[in-house]
């Protein structure tokens, strides 16, 4: 069973940056898309960003557009989320996810249920 392991979370001041990483445990694992979601206590897990297999297509939640950048390095089996100009409202547990098949329609990539693999999450806390 493939495992996704996130790293890079932590405590940071508002306005600064963090980069999250998500490494897949199996070298042969080649998901069509890798995405990031986040969740705060009492709220639903929400979509943040997704990147397709070769990085040509990326989609972002409106709340992070222009501040966050999602990417992946297939040689390292790793996806990244570069988070700049962080705000206190970005505080959450961030989860990496992956889906092996092409979902074809952009709207499907925003849905939690579309993803087959999930990491354990990494806490990001932004202090104001």
Foldseek 3Di string as FASTA:
>chain_A
DKAKAKDWADEEAAQAKTKMKIAIPDLPDQFQKKFKWWDDPPDDIWGAKMAGRQRPDMDGDPVQPPFWDWDADSNRRMIMIIGGRDDQVVWTWMKMFGHRDDPPDPVLVGDPVRTDYMHPTDTHGYHD
